[in-house]
Amino acid sequence: MLVSAKEMLDKAKAGHYAVGQFNINNLEWTKAALQTAQECNSPIILGVSEGAGKYMCGFKTVAAMVKAMIETLNITVPVALHLDHGSYDGALACIDAGFSSVMFDGSHYGIDENIEKTKEIIRIAHAQGISVEAEVGAIGGEEDGVIGSGEVADPAECKMIADLGVDMLAAGIGNIHGKYPANWNGLNFDVLAKIQELTGKMPLVLHGGTGIPEDMIKEAISLGVSKINVNTECQLAFADATRKYIEAGKDLQGKGYDPRKLLAPGFDAIKATIKEKMELFGSVDKA
């Protein structure tokens, strides 16, 4: 069954490791993520953007697919189904559809409006045992039409949002979605340390986990990051493996064009990427 992300992230914060959020885009992505989590005995958060939800025929379809897969694959590790960078209406739709966790991204509003809208989502979600993620300071880059300038969050505003009773907080510290440019300045650990100081036991979230050096990942975890989002890296691994399969002409051999065979290399590449991240984040055998 699906669970709220709150307990798994509270345990991660106390244990000084992070739980990976791996965005899903279709059946293969979902199956790969769930099977890898079970094999690694790791909790996992399945992230769904509003665009990906629409692509997969709506949030209710996604929730039904994930719940059925958990039952059919006999998945026993904690699994949260989480809306990624959700709008106010998107968060309400996911709560109604059966998600176990939602993110309301109010970072593009002024802090007062962000607080008011976040407070309302918390009230509605918590009444149904659903965890809530909020954001302060826009994450840089573009993901599924959501564009952020990469600003650094104000620690005082982070505390204001945390004090509302949110379950996890994403704060911009120089991280971006997609590939990091060669001239990227890195994560701002001074700001992260200040946010950690002001928000206490609040699990912090690091978006844009693809391409961040391992030493920065470990430093972020030591400073309170308990949830790390990965999407682009799985997409790149899937595309690379699929390209190699086709360029080698394997799709023309026998029934190599069968989607179950055509997509298999990409599926395996996603699993390998997720396993590598779970080992780096320290969530293996933490289910």
Protein backbone atom coordinates (compact mmCIF):
# COMPACT_ATOMS: atom_id res chain seq x y z
CA MET A 1 0.00 0.00 0.00
CA LEU A 2 0.98 3.61 -0.43
CA VAL A 3 2.14 5.54 2.61
CA SER A 4 2.68 9.17 3.49
CA ALA A 5 6.26 10.34 2.99
CA LYS A 6 6.36 11.83 6.49
CA GLU A 7 7.51 8.81 8.48
CA MET A 8 10.16 7.70 5.97
CA LEU A 9 11.60 11.22 5.81
CA ASP A 10 11.56 11.75 9.57
CA LYS A 11 13.52 8.49 9.89
CA ALA A 12 15.93 9.61 7.17
CA LYS A 13 16.53 12.93 8.90
CA ALA A 14 17.23 11.21 12.21
CA GLY A 15 19.42 8.60 10.52
CA HIS A 16 21.41 11.06 8.38
CA TYR A 17 20.53 9.56 5.01
CA ALA A 18 18.17 10.59 2.22
CA VAL A 19 15.24 8.96 0.46
CA GLY A 20 15.26 9.27 -3.31
CA GLN A 21 12.32 10.65 -5.25
CA PHE A 22 12.42 9.14 -8.72
CA ASN A 23 9.99 10.65 -11.20
CA ILE A 24 7.90 8.22 -13.21
CA ASN A 25 6.83 8.76 -16.80
CA ASN A 26 5.17 5.50 -17.82
CA LEU A 27 4.69 1.85 -16.84
CA GLU A 28 8.35 0.90 -17.39
CA TRP A 29 9.59 3.75 -15.20
CA THR A 30 7.19 2.79 -12.41
CA LYS A 31 7.97 -0.90 -12.52
CA ALA A 32 11.73 -0.26 -12.59
CA ALA A 33 11.53 2.06 -9.59
CA LEU A 34 9.37 -0.27 -7.50
CA GLN A 35 11.41 -3.39 -8.26
CA THR A 36 14.69 -1.62 -7.48
CA ALA A 37 13.35 -0.30 -4.18
CA GLN A 38 12.27 -3.81 -3.19
CA GLU A 39 15.62 -5.32 -4.21
CA CYS A 40 17.51 -2.64 -2.28
CA ASN A 41 15.12 -2.82 0.69
CA SER A 42 14.82 0.94 0.44
CA PRO A 43 11.90 3.33 0.91
CA ILE A 44 11.08 5.23 -2.25
CA ILE A 45 9.07 8.24 -3.40
CA LEU A 46 7.56 8.12 -6.87
CA GLY A 47 7.35 11.65 -8.24
CA VAL A 48 4.77 12.72 -10.81
CA SER A 49 4.77 16.14 -12.44
CA GLU A 50 1.48 17.59 -13.64
CA GLY A 51 2.62 17.16 -17.25
CA ALA A 52 3.61 13.53 -16.73
CA GLY A 53 0.31 12.91 -14.97
CA LYS A 54 -1.57 14.27 -17.97
CA TYR A 55 0.59 12.17 -20.31
CA MET A 56 -0.30 9.04 -18.32
CA CYS A 57 -4.05 9.73 -18.68
CA GLY A 58 -4.56 11.61 -15.45
CA PHE A 59 -3.74 11.35 -11.77
CA LYS A 60 -6.40 8.72 -11.08
CA THR A 61 -4.90 6.47 -13.74
CA VAL A 62 -1.43 6.93 -12.24
CA ALA A 63 -2.63 6.17 -8.70
CA ALA A 64 -4.52 3.07 -9.85
CA MET A 65 -1.46 1.82 -11.79
CA VAL A 66 0.91 2.31 -8.87
CA LYS A 67 -1.42 0.67 -6.35
CA ALA A 68 -1.98 -2.31 -8.65
CA MET A 69 1.76 -2.70 -9.29
CA ILE A 70 2.53 -2.63 -5.57
CA GLU A 71 0.05 -5.47 -5.05
CA THR A 72 1.01 -7.51 -8.13
CA LEU A 73 4.79 -7.18 -7.60
CA ASN A 74 4.41 -7.83 -3.86
CA ILE A 75 6.19 -4.62 -2.93
CA THR A 76 6.62 -4.45 0.85
CA VAL A 77 8.94 -1.44 1.23
CA PRO A 78 7.41 1.97 1.99
CA VAL A 79 6.24 3.72 -1.18
CA ALA A 80 4.91 7.28 -1.42
CA LEU A 81 3.20 8.57 -4.56
CA HIS A 82 4.02 12.26 -4.68
CA LEU A 83 2.98 15.22 -6.83
CA ASP A 84 6.09 17.11 -7.97
CA HIS A 85 6.00 20.92 -8.31
CA GLY A 86 2.25 20.99 -8.07
CA SER A 87 -0.03 23.96 -8.50
CA TYR A 88 -2.75 24.61 -5.94
CA ASP A 89 -5.39 22.96 -8.14
CA GLY A 90 -3.00 20.15 -9.05
CA ALA A 91 -2.41 19.35 -5.40
CA LEU A 92 -6.14 19.19 -4.74
CA ALA A 93 -6.61 16.91 -7.76
CA CYS A 94 -3.90 14.52 -6.53
CA ILE A 95 -5.39 14.42 -3.05
CA ASP A 96 -8.70 13.47 -4.65
CA ALA A 97 -7.04 10.91 -6.94
CA GLY A 98 -5.45 8.90 -4.13
CA PHE A 99 -1.87 10.17 -3.99
CA SER A 100 -0.22 9.74 -0.59
CA SER A 101 1.88 12.90 -0.77
CA VAL A 102 1.76 16.24 -2.61
CA MET A 103 4.02 19.17 -3.26
CA PHE A 104 2.51 22.61 -3.51
CA ASP A 105 5.08 24.84 -5.17
CA GLY A 106 4.20 28.36 -4.15
CA SER A 107 7.72 29.69 -4.63
CA HIS A 108 6.65 31.94 -7.51
CA TYR A 109 4.21 33.78 -5.23
CA GLY A 110 5.13 36.40 -2.67
CA ILE A 111 5.82 34.87 0.74
CA ASP A 112 2.43 35.91 2.20
CA GLU A 113 0.47 34.22 -0.60
CA ASN A 114 2.78 31.22 -0.51
CA ILE A 115 2.04 30.87 3.21
CA GLU A 116 -1.72 31.19 2.82
CA LYS A 117 -1.99 28.67 -0.02
CA THR A 118 0.44 26.24 1.63
CA LYS A 119 -1.53 26.46 4.88
CA GLU A 120 -4.74 25.50 3.08
CA ILE A 121 -3.14 22.54 1.29
CA ILE A 122 -1.73 21.32 4.62
CA ARG A 123 -5.17 21.52 6.23
CA ILE A 124 -6.83 19.50 3.48
CA ALA A 125 -4.03 16.96 3.01
CA HIS A 126 -3.29 16.27 6.66
CA ALA A 127 -6.96 15.57 7.32
CA GLN A 128 -6.51 12.56 5.02
CA GLY A 129 -3.06 11.50 6.23
CA ILE A 130 -1.31 12.88 3.14
CA SER A 131 2.12 14.48 3.49
CA VAL A 132 2.91 17.93 2.09
CA GLU A 133 6.05 19.45 0.60
CA ALA A 134 6.41 23.21 0.21
CA GLU A 135 9.02 25.34 -1.55
CA VAL A 136 10.82 28.59 -0.89
CA GLY A 137 13.22 30.02 -3.46
CA ALA A 138 12.62 28.81 -7.02
CA ILE A 139 14.68 25.88 -8.29
CA GLY A 140 16.65 26.86 -11.38
CA GLY A 141 16.17 25.50 -14.89
CA GLU A 142 13.06 24.05 -16.48
CA GLU A 143 11.13 20.91 -15.67
CA ASP A 144 7.95 20.04 -17.52
CA GLY A 145 7.13 23.68 -18.19
CA VAL A 146 7.93 24.85 -14.65
CA ILE A 147 10.74 27.41 -14.97
CA GLY A 148 12.77 28.70 -12.04
CA SER A 149 15.52 31.31 -11.92
CA GLY A 150 17.61 29.40 -9.41
CA GLU A 151 17.37 31.96 -6.64
CA VAL A 152 18.68 31.20 -3.16
CA ALA A 153 15.99 30.90 -0.51
CA ASP A 154 15.68 33.30 2.41
CA PRO A 155 16.22 31.19 5.59
CA ALA A 156 13.77 33.37 7.52
CA GLU A 157 11.05 32.66 4.94
CA CYS A 158 11.91 28.96 5.14
CA LYS A 159 11.23 29.05 8.86
CA MET A 160 7.90 30.79 8.28
CA ILE A 161 6.80 28.00 5.92
CA ALA A 162 8.20 25.26 8.17
CA ASP A 163 6.28 26.65 11.15
CA LEU A 164 3.01 25.99 9.28
CA GLY A 165 3.48 22.26 9.92
CA VAL A 166 4.61 21.24 6.45
CA ASP A 167 6.22 17.76 6.33
CA MET A 168 9.19 18.61 4.09
CA LEU A 169 10.66 21.76 2.65
CA ALA A 170 12.37 22.39 -0.67
CA ALA A 171 14.63 25.42 -0.52
CA GLY A 172 16.59 26.85 -3.42
CA ILE A 173 20.34 26.71 -2.68
CA GLY A 174 21.68 27.10 -6.22
CA ASN A 175 20.36 23.76 -7.49
CA ILE A 176 18.74 23.50 -10.93
CA HIS A 177 16.63 21.08 -12.96
CA GLY A 178 18.18 19.31 -15.92
CA LYS A 179 21.88 19.22 -16.75
CA TYR A 180 24.18 21.50 -14.78
CA PRO A 181 26.19 23.97 -16.92
CA ALA A 182 29.99 23.97 -16.86
CA ASN A 183 30.02 27.34 -15.07
CA TRP A 184 27.65 26.25 -12.26
CA ASN A 185 28.71 27.71 -8.91
CA GLY A 186 27.69 24.68 -6.86
CA LEU A 187 25.36 24.41 -3.87
CA ASN A 188 25.29 27.18 -1.29
CA PHE A 189 26.02 25.26 1.91
CA ASP A 190 26.13 28.40 4.06
CA VAL A 191 22.48 29.07 3.25
CA LEU A 192 21.59 25.38 3.69
CA ALA A 193 23.24 25.34 7.13
CA LYS A 194 21.27 28.43 8.17
CA ILE A 195 18.00 26.89 6.94
CA GLN A 196 18.79 23.72 8.87
CA GLU A 197 19.49 25.77 11.99
CA LEU A 198 16.17 27.62 11.75
CA THR A 199 13.94 24.70 10.73
CA GLY A 200 15.32 22.08 13.12
CA LYS A 201 13.98 18.58 12.53
CA MET A 202 12.24 19.53 9.30
CA PRO A 203 13.32 17.17 6.47
CA LEU A 204 14.81 19.31 3.69
CA VAL A 205 14.47 18.50 -0.02
CA LEU A 206 17.10 18.83 -2.73
CA HIS A 207 15.62 19.16 -6.21
CA GLY A 208 17.75 18.78 -9.32
CA GLY A 209 19.71 15.79 -8.04
CA THR A 210 21.10 14.88 -11.46
CA GLY A 211 24.74 15.78 -11.93
CA ILE A 212 25.51 17.07 -8.44
CA PRO A 213 28.94 15.72 -7.39
CA GLU A 214 28.91 12.95 -4.78
CA ASP A 215 30.77 15.01 -2.19
CA MET A 216 28.14 17.76 -2.46
CA ILE A 217 25.35 15.21 -2.10
CA LYS A 218 26.91 13.84 1.09
CA GLU A 219 27.50 17.33 2.46
CA ALA A 220 23.88 18.26 1.76
CA ILE A 221 22.66 15.16 3.59
CA SER A 222 24.86 16.03 6.57
CA LEU A 223 23.16 19.44 6.65
CA GLY A 224 19.61 18.09 6.84
CA VAL A 225 18.64 17.10 3.29
CA SER A 226 16.48 13.99 3.64
CA LYS A 227 14.87 13.78 0.19
CA ILE A 228 16.69 14.07 -3.13
CA ASN A 229 14.88 14.26 -6.46
CA VAL A 230 16.21 12.48 -9.55
CA ASN A 231 14.56 12.61 -12.97
CA THR A 232 16.89 13.76 -15.76
CA GLU A 233 19.54 11.14 -14.97
CA CYS A 234 17.04 8.29 -15.42
CA GLN A 235 15.82 9.84 -18.67
CA LEU A 236 19.37 10.13 -20.00
CA ALA A 237 20.20 6.54 -19.01
CA PHE A 238 17.03 5.25 -20.65
CA ALA A 239 17.68 7.20 -23.86
CA ASP A 240 21.32 6.11 -24.08
CA ALA A 241 20.55 2.41 -23.61
CA THR A 242 17.67 2.52 -26.11
CA ARG A 243 19.81 4.35 -28.66
CA LYS A 244 22.58 1.74 -28.41
CA TYR A 245 20.07 -1.08 -28.87
CA ILE A 246 18.69 0.48 -32.05
CA GLU A 247 22.04 1.59 -33.45
CA ALA A 248 23.30 -1.99 -33.03
CA GLY A 249 20.38 -3.13 -35.18
CA LYS A 250 18.99 -5.40 -32.48
CA ASP A 251 15.48 -4.17 -33.22
CA LEU A 252 15.81 -5.77 -36.66
CA GLN A 253 16.93 -9.14 -35.33
CA GLY A 254 14.17 -11.69 -34.83
CA LYS A 255 11.40 -9.98 -32.88
CA GLY A 256 13.68 -7.33 -31.49
CA TYR A 257 11.11 -4.73 -32.45
CA ASP A 258 8.71 -6.11 -29.81
CA PRO A 259 8.26 -3.24 -27.31
CA ARG A 260 9.03 -5.63 -24.47
CA LYS A 261 12.46 -6.22 -26.00
CA LEU A 262 12.96 -2.73 -27.42
CA LEU A 263 12.39 -1.08 -24.04
CA ALA A 264 14.24 -3.69 -21.94
CA PRO A 265 17.72 -2.08 -22.15
CA GLY A 266 16.31 1.28 -21.08
CA PHE A 267 14.36 -0.39 -18.28
CA ASP A 268 17.54 -2.03 -16.99
CA ALA A 269 19.40 1.28 -17.25
CA ILE A 270 16.77 3.00 -15.09
CA LYS A 271 17.09 0.26 -12.47
CA ALA A 272 20.88 0.57 -12.42
CA THR A 273 20.67 4.35 -12.04
CA ILE A 274 18.16 4.15 -9.19
CA LYS A 275 20.24 1.53 -7.37
CA GLU A 276 23.35 3.69 -7.69
CA LYS A 277 21.49 6.67 -6.25
CA MET A 278 20.01 4.68 -3.36
CA GLU A 279 23.49 3.51 -2.43
CA LEU A 280 24.81 7.08 -2.60
CA PHE A 281 21.90 8.47 -0.57
CA GLY A 282 22.33 5.77 2.08
CA SER A 283 18.74 4.45 1.94
CA VAL A 284 19.61 0.80 1.16
CA ASP A 285 18.30 -1.55 3.87
CA LYS A 286 16.45 1.32 5.56
CA ALA A 287 12.93 0.12 4.68
